[in-house]
Amino acid sequence: MTEATADLEHYSAQLEAAAARLDALPLHRLDTETSMLKEAFDLVYDAGVFAFHRYASDLHETMKFRLFTTLAPRSGSLAFLAIQILAANKIMHVNRFTQLDTYLAKRCGIAINHLRAPVTVVSATQQNGAYRLNGRLTWASGYGIFDTLVVGFHCEGQEFQAVVPFEPREGFTLGTPTETFVGNAMHTVDVVLDNYEVPQEHIVASHPLGTYTKNKSVSKTIHYALYGIGLGAVDVLEDEEVRCAAGARLEAVKTAFLATKNGEELDRLRIELFELVQQIVTTGMILYGGRSVLSTERLQRYYRELVMFNANGLNNALKRLHKQAFFSALESTH
């Protein structure tokens, strides 16, 4: 057995043990109750399955696939927070943050996607070795669950990333948690920054403007989550004929997205995967009947979480492809 194989087996064993403990929880409550979601998140965190830095980097993609196909069938909210902490930890790791070990030991979220905006959303001025931030951080998930956030801002023609405590304090005002039809337990808030002071030692990195957008790699994370929801939906199906057909088609799409690194092909497959899983979930709910809308049933939750994940990371190219798919579906009905 190679070292890489042994490491993957070790990780998978940790993940399976965490999944068994998750299954003892009332998983349907993780979408609406922050205390329950925090309990589940802490359980998975303490199991070490977010600690990718302990493993060789060439194993990370396989680990990520296994993580999301394990978490997404159990809780979309939990899987969504997993995306956040993995992204925050990776930013700190690849930039060789001087306080890396300290912050890897914390539960760290992220509020940085606004760096891809064509305008400055959060600006800063440098004073006496510190940075004073002004602006609004939007869609910061995990308040009450994450200890810290990796945040982004612009200063003097550079874009910065820094770690900050995720709690109200002077210059760091939290808004009311956003109310949505899914994932309310994540306590997603906006944060108003008013001359909020970040000391130099909390700066993770600085780069030329546009670096975050330029360096964004082709990601399959949403594919993994959508596929995971699909696995959960197939598992619930009672009609054996539908179950077999749905499972076979889901595996075919999985094989396709795992095999490619082409961004355009991945976008096309993401839409195909979304529409397939949506069809599986809808068909399953219809065949199961009115009971499927009960909060304790998995299919209604998968329906909502499917939309949540597919609304994440949408760019203009994906929106155009969804629009084209809509009109193609209309034409095929005539």
Protein backbone atom coordinates (compact mmCIF):
# COMPACT_ATOMS: atom_id res chain seq x y z
CA MET A 1 0.00 0.00 0.00
CA THR A 2 1.40 3.41 -0.97
CA GLU A 3 1.54 6.31 1.45
CA ALA A 4 -1.08 8.18 -0.58
CA THR A 5 -3.45 5.21 -0.48
CA ALA A 6 -2.95 4.86 3.26
CA ASP A 7 -3.64 8.57 3.79
CA LEU A 8 -6.86 8.39 1.74
CA GLU A 9 -7.99 5.35 3.68
CA HIS A 10 -7.26 7.15 6.94
CA TYR A 11 -9.22 10.20 5.81
CA SER A 12 -12.14 8.09 4.59
CA ALA A 13 -12.26 6.26 7.92
CA GLN A 14 -12.44 9.59 9.77
CA LEU A 15 -15.17 10.75 7.42
CA GLU A 16 -17.21 7.57 7.80
CA ALA A 17 -16.98 7.78 11.59
CA ALA A 18 -18.15 11.40 11.51
CA ALA A 19 -21.03 10.47 9.17
CA ALA A 20 -22.18 7.76 11.55
CA ARG A 21 -22.29 10.29 14.39
CA LEU A 22 -24.13 12.79 12.20
CA ASP A 23 -26.77 10.18 11.40
CA ALA A 24 -27.68 10.06 15.08
CA LEU A 25 -28.74 13.74 14.93
CA PRO A 26 -32.14 15.09 13.79
CA LEU A 27 -30.66 16.18 10.45
CA HIS A 28 -33.79 17.96 9.22
CA ARG A 29 -33.29 20.54 12.00
CA LEU A 30 -29.84 21.55 10.71
CA ASP A 31 -31.48 23.75 8.10
CA THR A 32 -33.45 25.89 10.56
CA GLU A 33 -31.75 25.70 13.98
CA THR A 34 -28.34 27.31 14.37
CA SER A 35 -27.61 25.46 17.62
CA MET A 36 -28.16 22.10 15.89
CA LEU A 37 -26.09 23.12 12.87
CA LYS A 38 -23.28 24.25 15.18
CA GLU A 39 -23.39 20.90 16.97
CA ALA A 40 -23.08 19.08 13.66
CA PHE A 41 -20.34 21.41 12.40
CA ASP A 42 -18.32 21.01 15.60
CA LEU A 43 -18.71 17.24 15.36
CA VAL A 44 -17.29 17.18 11.84
CA TYR A 45 -14.61 19.76 12.66
CA ASP A 46 -13.42 17.79 15.68
CA ALA A 47 -13.23 14.66 13.51
CA GLY A 48 -10.50 16.41 11.50
CA VAL A 49 -12.13 16.08 8.09
CA PHE A 50 -11.66 19.78 7.29
CA ALA A 51 -7.92 19.59 8.05
CA PHE A 52 -6.74 19.15 4.47
CA HIS A 53 -3.38 20.73 5.39
CA ARG A 54 -2.42 17.48 7.11
CA TYR A 55 -2.42 15.68 3.76
CA ALA A 56 -0.44 15.98 0.52
CA SER A 57 -1.97 18.55 -1.85
CA ASP A 58 -2.41 16.03 -4.67
CA LEU A 59 -4.93 14.19 -2.47
CA HIS A 60 -7.11 17.22 -1.77
CA GLU A 61 -9.44 16.96 -4.77
CA THR A 62 -10.28 13.33 -4.03
CA MET A 63 -10.78 14.21 -0.37
CA LYS A 64 -13.06 17.09 -1.32
CA PHE A 65 -15.18 14.82 -3.50
CA ARG A 66 -15.55 12.32 -0.68
CA LEU A 67 -16.31 15.06 1.85
CA PHE A 68 -19.12 16.69 -0.12
CA THR A 69 -20.69 13.45 -1.29
CA THR A 70 -20.83 12.47 2.38
CA LEU A 71 -22.08 15.77 3.84
CA ALA A 72 -24.49 16.99 1.14
CA PRO A 73 -26.93 14.04 1.44
CA ARG A 74 -27.10 14.69 5.19
CA SER A 75 -27.26 18.50 5.30
CA GLY A 76 -26.83 21.11 2.60
CA SER A 77 -26.27 23.78 5.25
CA LEU A 78 -23.44 21.78 6.76
CA ALA A 79 -21.91 21.19 3.32
CA PHE A 80 -22.20 24.90 2.54
CA LEU A 81 -20.24 25.80 5.68
CA ALA A 82 -17.67 23.20 4.67
CA ILE A 83 -17.10 25.16 1.44
CA GLN A 84 -16.44 28.26 3.54
CA ILE A 85 -13.89 26.80 5.93
CA LEU A 86 -12.00 24.93 3.21
CA ALA A 87 -11.73 28.13 1.16
CA ALA A 88 -10.55 30.19 4.15
CA ASN A 89 -7.98 27.59 5.19
CA LYS A 90 -6.67 27.28 1.64
CA ILE A 91 -6.18 31.05 1.31
CA MET A 92 -4.18 31.13 4.54
CA HIS A 93 -2.17 28.07 3.55
CA VAL A 94 -1.20 29.04 -0.01
CA ASN A 95 -0.18 32.53 1.14
CA ARG A 96 1.98 31.09 3.95
CA PHE A 97 0.24 33.22 6.55
CA THR A 98 2.61 33.78 9.48
CA GLN A 99 -0.12 32.88 12.00
CA LEU A 100 -1.32 29.90 9.99
CA ASP A 101 -1.18 27.33 12.80
CA THR A 102 -3.07 29.62 15.18
CA TYR A 103 -5.92 30.21 12.72
CA LEU A 104 -6.09 26.65 11.39
CA ALA A 105 -6.99 25.76 14.97
CA LYS A 106 -10.00 28.09 14.72
CA ARG A 107 -13.27 27.75 12.86
CA CYS A 108 -12.78 30.24 10.04
CA GLY A 109 -15.35 31.43 7.51
CA ILE A 110 -14.95 33.71 4.52
CA ALA A 111 -16.25 37.02 3.15
CA ILE A 112 -14.10 37.67 0.13
CA ASN A 113 -16.03 37.11 -3.11
CA HIS A 114 -16.65 40.84 -3.48
CA LEU A 115 -13.01 41.08 -4.64
CA ARG A 116 -14.31 39.81 -7.99
CA ALA A 117 -16.54 42.89 -8.35
CA PRO A 118 -15.42 45.50 -10.94
CA VAL A 119 -15.53 48.21 -8.23
CA THR A 120 -14.13 48.60 -4.73
CA VAL A 121 -16.62 47.26 -2.18
CA VAL A 122 -14.45 47.46 0.94
CA SER A 123 -11.64 50.02 1.07
CA ALA A 124 -8.98 50.75 3.65
CA THR A 125 -6.43 53.34 4.67
CA GLN A 126 -3.16 52.47 6.36
CA GLN A 127 -2.38 54.25 9.61
CA ASN A 128 0.37 53.50 12.14
CA GLY A 129 0.95 49.95 10.94
CA ALA A 130 -2.76 49.08 10.89
CA TYR A 131 -5.55 49.19 8.32
CA ARG A 132 -8.88 50.92 8.80
CA LEU A 133 -11.63 49.27 6.75
CA ASN A 134 -14.81 50.86 5.42
CA GLY A 135 -17.60 49.27 3.42
CA ARG A 136 -20.03 46.37 3.66
CA LEU A 137 -19.31 42.67 3.69
CA THR A 138 -22.32 40.81 2.32
CA TRP A 139 -23.44 37.20 2.71
CA ALA A 140 -21.13 36.34 5.61
CA SER A 141 -22.39 32.90 6.65
CA GLY A 142 -21.81 31.06 9.90
CA TYR A 143 -22.26 33.77 12.52
CA GLY A 144 -22.27 31.97 15.87
CA ILE A 145 -20.52 28.98 14.29
CA PHE A 146 -17.31 30.44 12.87
CA ASP A 147 -14.85 32.15 15.21
CA THR A 148 -13.14 34.23 12.53
CA LEU A 149 -13.48 35.37 8.91
CA VAL A 150 -11.05 35.82 6.07
CA VAL A 151 -12.11 39.15 4.55
CA GLY A 152 -11.01 41.03 1.46
CA PHE A 153 -10.43 44.75 0.88
CA HIS A 154 -8.65 47.23 -1.37
CA CYS A 155 -5.91 49.63 -0.25
CA GLU A 156 -3.54 51.78 -2.31
CA GLY A 157 -3.99 49.83 -5.53
CA GLN A 158 -3.65 46.42 -3.88
CA GLU A 159 -6.16 43.81 -2.81
CA PHE A 160 -5.70 42.40 0.67
CA GLN A 161 -6.89 39.40 2.63
CA ALA A 162 -6.99 39.45 6.42
CA VAL A 163 -8.38 37.46 9.33
CA VAL A 164 -10.81 39.17 11.70
CA PRO A 165 -12.92 37.99 14.65
CA PHE A 166 -16.49 37.19 13.59
CA GLU A 167 -18.23 39.08 16.37
CA PRO A 168 -19.66 42.57 16.89
CA ARG A 169 -17.16 45.15 18.07
CA GLU A 170 -16.26 48.78 17.45
CA GLY A 171 -16.46 49.48 13.73
CA PHE A 172 -17.75 45.96 12.98
CA THR A 173 -21.56 46.00 13.04
CA LEU A 174 -23.56 42.88 12.25
CA GLY A 175 -26.91 43.12 10.49
CA THR A 176 -29.98 41.00 11.13
CA PRO A 177 -29.56 37.41 9.87
CA THR A 178 -30.91 37.06 6.35
CA GLU A 179 -34.20 35.17 6.07
CA THR A 180 -34.35 32.72 3.18
CA PHE A 181 -36.35 29.63 2.26
CA VAL A 182 -33.33 27.43 2.92
CA GLY A 183 -30.24 27.52 5.15
CA ASN A 184 -31.51 29.93 7.80
CA ALA A 185 -29.50 28.05 10.43
CA MET A 186 -26.30 29.34 8.81
CA HIS A 187 -27.01 32.80 10.27
CA THR A 188 -25.91 34.70 7.16
CA VAL A 189 -25.38 38.39 7.90
CA ASP A 190 -24.08 41.59 6.34
CA VAL A 191 -21.28 43.37 8.18
CA VAL A 192 -20.88 47.15 8.10
CA LEU A 193 -17.25 48.22 8.50
CA ASP A 194 -16.75 51.75 9.83
CA ASN A 195 -13.04 52.52 10.30
CA TYR A 196 -12.65 48.97 11.57
CA GLU A 197 -9.02 48.43 12.59
CA VAL A 198 -7.08 45.40 11.37
CA PRO A 199 -3.52 45.11 12.71
CA GLN A 200 -0.67 44.29 10.34
CA GLU A 201 -0.12 40.87 11.91
CA HIS A 202 -3.62 39.81 10.82
CA ILE A 203 -2.92 40.47 7.13
CA VAL A 204 -2.83 37.17 5.25
CA ALA A 205 -1.64 38.52 1.89
CA SER A 206 -1.62 41.45 -0.51
CA HIS A 207 -1.63 41.25 -4.30
CA PRO A 208 -2.25 43.53 -7.30
CA LEU A 209 -5.89 44.37 -7.97
CA GLY A 210 -7.65 41.58 -9.84
CA THR A 211 -5.42 38.77 -8.58
CA TYR A 212 -8.26 36.98 -6.75
CA THR A 213 -10.34 36.88 -9.92
CA LYS A 214 -7.40 35.87 -12.10
CA ASN A 215 -6.32 33.07 -9.78
CA LYS A 216 -9.76 31.55 -9.35
CA SER A 217 -9.33 28.01 -10.57
CA VAL A 218 -11.82 25.81 -12.35
CA SER A 219 -13.75 24.37 -9.44
CA LYS A 220 -15.91 21.26 -9.19
CA THR A 221 -17.11 21.89 -5.63
CA ILE A 222 -20.69 22.75 -6.65
CA HIS A 223 -20.74 19.68 -8.90
CA TYR A 224 -19.75 17.56 -5.91
CA ALA A 225 -22.50 19.07 -3.76
CA LEU A 226 -25.19 18.68 -6.45
CA TYR A 227 -24.09 15.10 -7.02
CA GLY A 228 -24.20 14.47 -3.26
CA ILE A 229 -27.79 15.72 -3.12
CA GLY A 230 -28.54 13.44 -6.06
CA LEU A 231 -27.11 10.46 -4.15
CA GLY A 232 -29.35 11.30 -1.21
CA ALA A 233 -32.40 11.62 -3.46
CA VAL A 234 -31.75 8.29 -5.20
CA ASP A 235 -31.37 6.66 -1.79
CA VAL A 236 -34.85 7.84 -0.81
CA LEU A 237 -36.62 6.68 -3.99
CA GLU A 238 -39.03 3.81 -3.39
CA ASP A 239 -39.87 2.99 -7.01
CA GLU A 240 -37.17 0.50 -8.05
CA GLU A 241 -37.49 1.25 -11.77
CA VAL A 242 -37.04 4.99 -11.24
CA ARG A 243 -34.29 4.38 -8.68
CA CYS A 244 -32.21 2.27 -11.08
CA ALA A 245 -32.63 4.68 -14.01
CA ALA A 246 -31.88 7.74 -11.87
CA GLY A 247 -28.82 6.15 -10.29
CA ALA A 248 -27.38 5.08 -13.63
CA ARG A 249 -27.80 8.51 -15.20
CA LEU A 250 -26.38 10.25 -12.12
CA GLU A 251 -23.29 8.04 -12.27
CA ALA A 252 -22.83 8.80 -15.97
CA VAL A 253 -22.83 12.56 -15.33
CA LYS A 254 -20.45 12.08 -12.39
CA THR A 255 -18.03 10.17 -14.60
CA ALA A 256 -18.17 13.02 -17.13
CA PHE A 257 -17.47 15.87 -14.71
CA LEU A 258 -14.72 13.97 -12.91
CA ALA A 259 -12.98 13.31 -16.22
CA THR A 260 -12.79 16.90 -17.50
CA LYS A 261 -10.89 20.03 -16.53
CA ASN A 262 -12.41 22.17 -19.26
CA GLY A 263 -14.30 25.11 -17.78
CA GLU A 264 -16.93 25.34 -20.53
CA GLU A 265 -17.63 21.61 -20.34
CA LEU A 266 -17.91 21.80 -16.56
CA ASP A 267 -20.44 24.63 -16.87
CA ARG A 268 -22.51 22.55 -19.29
CA LEU A 269 -22.32 19.50 -17.03
CA ARG A 270 -23.28 21.57 -14.00
CA ILE A 271 -26.53 22.55 -15.71
CA GLU A 272 -27.17 18.98 -16.82
CA LEU A 273 -26.50 17.75 -13.28
CA PHE A 274 -28.79 20.35 -11.71
CA GLU A 275 -31.65 19.54 -14.08
CA LEU A 276 -31.18 15.80 -13.57
CA VAL A 277 -31.19 16.00 -9.78
CA GLN A 278 -34.15 18.39 -9.84
CA GLN A 279 -36.04 15.85 -11.96
CA ILE A 280 -35.09 12.99 -9.64
CA VAL A 281 -36.22 14.93 -6.57
CA THR A 282 -39.47 16.11 -8.17
CA THR A 283 -40.36 12.66 -9.46
CA GLY A 284 -39.56 11.15 -6.08
CA MET A 285 -41.82 13.64 -4.30
CA ILE A 286 -44.70 12.98 -6.70
CA LEU A 287 -44.42 9.21 -6.37
CA TYR A 288 -44.12 9.46 -2.59
CA GLY A 289 -47.17 11.70 -2.38
CA GLY A 290 -48.21 14.49 -0.04
CA ARG A 291 -46.09 13.15 2.82
CA SER A 292 -43.02 14.38 0.94
CA VAL A 293 -43.64 17.96 2.10
CA LEU A 294 -43.25 17.09 5.78
CA SER A 295 -40.25 18.82 7.34
CA THR A 296 -38.85 15.49 8.49
CA GLU A 297 -38.76 14.12 4.94
CA ARG A 298 -35.54 14.40 2.96
CA LEU A 299 -36.84 15.10 -0.55
CA GLN A 300 -38.39 18.49 0.24
CA ARG A 301 -35.12 19.53 1.87
CA TYR A 302 -33.12 18.33 -1.13
CA TYR A 303 -35.38 20.40 -3.38
CA ARG A 304 -34.55 23.58 -1.48
CA GLU A 305 -30.86 22.81 -1.01
CA LEU A 306 -30.50 22.01 -4.69
CA VAL A 307 -31.60 25.55 -5.52
CA MET A 308 -29.29 26.99 -2.84
CA PHE A 309 -26.19 25.32 -4.26
CA ASN A 310 -27.04 26.07 -7.87
CA ALA A 311 -27.47 29.77 -7.03
CA ASN A 312 -23.89 29.82 -5.70
CA GLY A 313 -21.02 31.02 -7.86
CA LEU A 314 -23.15 31.91 -10.87
CA ASN A 315 -21.36 33.98 -13.50
CA ASN A 316 -22.72 35.48 -16.72
CA ALA A 317 -21.65 32.46 -18.76
CA LEU A 318 -23.60 30.08 -16.52
CA LYS A 319 -26.63 32.34 -16.56
CA ARG A 320 -26.59 32.39 -20.38
CA LEU A 321 -26.35 28.61 -20.47
CA HIS A 322 -29.30 28.25 -18.09
CA LYS A 323 -31.31 30.63 -20.28
CA GLN A 324 -30.43 28.64 -23.40
CA ALA A 325 -31.39 25.41 -21.66
CA PHE A 326 -34.75 26.93 -20.75
CA PHE A 327 -35.56 27.89 -24.34
CA SER A 328 -34.30 24.53 -25.63
CA ALA A 329 -36.66 22.77 -23.24
CA LEU A 330 -39.56 24.94 -24.47
CA GLU A 331 -38.79 24.15 -28.08
CA SER A 332 -38.62 20.41 -27.40
CA THR A 333 -42.20 20.46 -26.10
CA HIS A 334 -43.63 21.67 -29.43
